[in-house]
Protein backbone atom coordinates (compact mmCIF):
# COMPACT_ATOMS: atom_id res chain seq x y z
CA MET A 1 161.76 -111.37 27.93
CA ALA A 2 162.12 -114.38 25.70
CA ALA A 3 161.85 -114.90 21.97
CA ILE A 4 158.61 -116.73 21.26
CA THR A 5 157.76 -118.14 17.85
CA LEU A 6 154.12 -118.06 16.74
CA THR A 7 152.48 -119.31 13.57
CA VAL A 8 149.82 -116.80 12.62
CA ASN A 9 147.83 -116.99 9.38
CA GLY A 10 150.32 -119.53 8.06
CA ALA A 11 153.41 -117.38 8.68
CA ARG A 12 155.97 -117.84 11.45
CA HIS A 13 156.72 -114.81 13.59
CA GLN A 14 159.25 -114.38 16.35
CA VAL A 15 158.32 -111.91 19.06
CA ALA A 16 160.03 -110.75 22.22
CA ALA A 17 157.54 -111.24 25.03
CA GLU A 18 156.93 -112.96 28.34
CA ALA A 19 155.20 -116.35 28.23
CA ASP A 20 152.23 -114.96 30.17
CA THR A 21 151.61 -112.09 27.71
CA PRO A 22 148.08 -112.24 26.29
CA LEU A 23 148.06 -113.28 22.63
CA LEU A 24 145.83 -110.32 21.76
CA TYR A 25 148.54 -107.83 22.71
CA VAL A 26 151.09 -109.45 20.41
CA LEU A 27 148.62 -109.77 17.53
CA ARG A 28 147.63 -106.11 17.66
CA ASN A 29 150.81 -104.41 18.88
CA ASP A 30 153.62 -106.50 17.40
CA LEU A 31 152.03 -108.10 14.33
CA GLU A 32 149.71 -105.15 13.61
CA LEU A 33 146.67 -107.36 13.05
CA ASN A 34 143.54 -105.40 13.87
CA GLY A 35 140.86 -108.04 13.31
CA PRO A 36 140.84 -109.25 16.91
CA ARG A 37 139.53 -106.45 19.12
CA PHE A 38 140.07 -105.59 22.76
CA GLY A 39 136.64 -105.68 24.33
CA CYS A 40 136.32 -106.71 27.94
CA GLY A 41 139.81 -108.10 28.56
CA GLN A 42 138.26 -110.96 30.53
CA GLY A 43 137.38 -113.45 27.77
CA GLN A 44 133.66 -112.81 28.07
CA CYS A 45 132.59 -110.68 25.08
CA GLY A 46 134.33 -112.54 22.24
CA ALA A 47 135.63 -109.49 20.37
CA CYS A 48 139.19 -110.86 20.57
CA THR A 49 138.39 -114.32 19.21
CA VAL A 50 140.91 -116.09 16.99
CA LEU A 51 141.08 -119.71 15.92
CA VAL A 52 143.76 -121.83 17.55
CA ASP A 53 144.00 -125.09 15.66
CA GLY A 54 140.49 -124.35 14.39
CA VAL A 55 138.97 -123.77 17.83
CA PRO A 56 137.52 -120.35 18.73
CA THR A 57 139.81 -118.94 21.42
CA ARG A 58 139.62 -115.71 23.41
CA SER A 59 143.01 -114.15 22.70
CA CYS A 60 142.79 -111.61 25.53
CA VAL A 61 143.13 -114.41 28.10
CA THR A 62 145.30 -116.86 26.14
CA GLU A 63 148.95 -116.74 27.18
CA LEU A 64 151.67 -116.90 24.54
CA GLY A 65 153.41 -119.72 26.38
CA THR A 66 150.51 -122.08 25.61
CA LEU A 67 150.75 -121.67 21.83
CA ALA A 68 153.96 -123.45 20.80
CA GLY A 69 153.39 -125.51 17.67
CA ARG A 70 149.80 -124.38 17.26
CA GLN A 71 148.19 -122.68 14.26
CA ILE A 72 146.61 -119.30 14.97
CA THR A 73 144.16 -117.79 12.48
CA THR A 74 142.88 -114.23 12.70
CA LEU A 75 140.18 -112.49 10.69
CA GLU A 76 142.89 -111.30 8.30
CA GLY A 77 143.87 -114.91 7.65
CA LEU A 78 140.47 -115.90 6.26
CA ALA A 79 140.90 -114.06 2.96
CA SER A 80 142.69 -116.00 0.24
CA GLN A 81 144.46 -114.73 -2.87
CA GLY A 82 143.06 -111.24 -2.39
CA ARG A 83 139.46 -112.50 -2.09
CA LEU A 84 137.43 -112.20 1.08
CA HIS A 85 136.16 -115.38 2.70
CA ALA A 86 132.49 -116.23 2.06
CA LEU A 87 131.64 -115.19 5.64
CA GLN A 88 133.32 -111.82 5.21
CA ARG A 89 131.47 -111.23 1.93
CA ALA A 90 128.17 -112.31 3.49
CA PHE A 91 128.58 -109.99 6.50
CA ILE A 92 129.05 -107.10 4.08
CA ALA A 93 126.12 -108.11 1.86
CA GLU A 94 123.76 -108.58 4.81
CA GLN A 95 124.97 -105.38 6.51
CA ALA A 96 125.60 -107.49 9.60
CA ALA A 97 128.23 -105.15 11.03
CA GLN A 98 127.33 -101.80 12.48
CA CYS A 99 129.85 -100.68 15.08
CA GLY A 100 132.26 -103.54 14.34
CA TYR A 101 132.70 -104.49 17.99
CA CYS A 102 131.45 -108.08 17.63
CA THR A 103 132.18 -108.69 13.96
CA ASN A 104 135.56 -110.35 14.47
CA GLY A 105 134.27 -112.77 17.10
CA MET A 106 131.09 -113.57 15.23
CA ILE A 107 132.91 -114.34 11.98
CA MET A 108 135.59 -116.43 13.68
CA ALA A 109 133.00 -118.42 15.65
CA ALA A 110 130.95 -118.92 12.48
CA LYS A 111 134.08 -120.09 10.63
CA ALA A 112 134.72 -122.72 13.29
CA LEU A 113 131.07 -123.81 13.15
CA LEU A 114 131.14 -124.20 9.36
CA GLU A 115 134.29 -126.30 9.57
CA THR A 116 132.49 -128.88 11.73
CA THR A 117 128.93 -128.36 10.48
CA PRO A 118 128.96 -127.24 6.81
CA GLU A 119 125.18 -126.77 6.67
CA PRO A 120 124.08 -125.72 10.16
CA SER A 121 120.46 -125.11 11.07
CA GLU A 122 119.40 -121.71 12.36
CA PRO A 123 119.34 -122.97 15.97
CA GLU A 124 122.87 -124.36 15.53
CA ILE A 125 124.07 -120.99 14.23
CA ARG A 126 122.42 -119.13 17.09
CA ASP A 127 123.90 -121.57 19.61
CA ALA A 128 127.42 -121.18 18.16
CA LEU A 129 127.14 -117.39 18.40
CA ALA A 130 125.31 -117.19 21.74
CA HIS A 131 128.41 -116.30 23.75
CA TYR A 132 129.42 -113.31 21.62
CA LEU A 133 128.23 -109.89 22.69
CA CYS A 134 126.72 -107.68 19.97
CA ARG A 135 126.08 -104.19 21.31
CA CYS A 136 124.10 -103.06 18.24
CA GLY A 137 121.60 -105.91 18.30
CA THR A 138 122.20 -107.06 14.71
CA HIS A 139 121.82 -110.70 15.69
CA ASN A 140 119.24 -111.44 13.00
CA ARG A 141 121.47 -109.95 10.30
CA ILE A 142 124.42 -111.90 11.62
CA VAL A 143 122.48 -115.16 11.45
CA ALA A 144 121.34 -114.23 7.93
CA ALA A 145 124.97 -113.57 6.97
CA VAL A 146 126.06 -117.02 8.16
CA GLN A 147 123.16 -118.60 6.27
CA ARG A 148 124.14 -116.66 3.15
CA ALA A 149 127.76 -117.79 3.46
CA VAL A 150 126.52 -121.39 3.59
CA ARG A 151 124.43 -120.89 0.44
CA GLU A 152 127.04 -118.95 -1.52
CA GLY A 153 130.11 -120.65 -0.01
């Protein structure tokens, strides 16, 4: 095992792990961040999504060795000064989360979308979220939550 330094939510962390260890395992087990979820373990469902340098990234298939010098943001890193991010507030207000399986991935993908497209159309929102599996079928509420976050920013 080697000591690997990661920058997560603006803080530097040193962890003892192999370079091929999936980022998700370190986030949940070592750093005790529970926003990213283990879903499929194959990078298909999106439950484990984090932002790496602002890009939605499936942490269950991203190896630690590829992350040197990169900024990793988890769901926990969106809140600022004790206040939830507009997307987090909107998901609550729109009751867009039922089981919580997809919530992390949906919010992180929406965050990345809003960084590049501050006022996305409904089709742009749906397209950005198309590759995230929601088992409960709350897609319409999720889209409404993103639209609300845009309005209330």
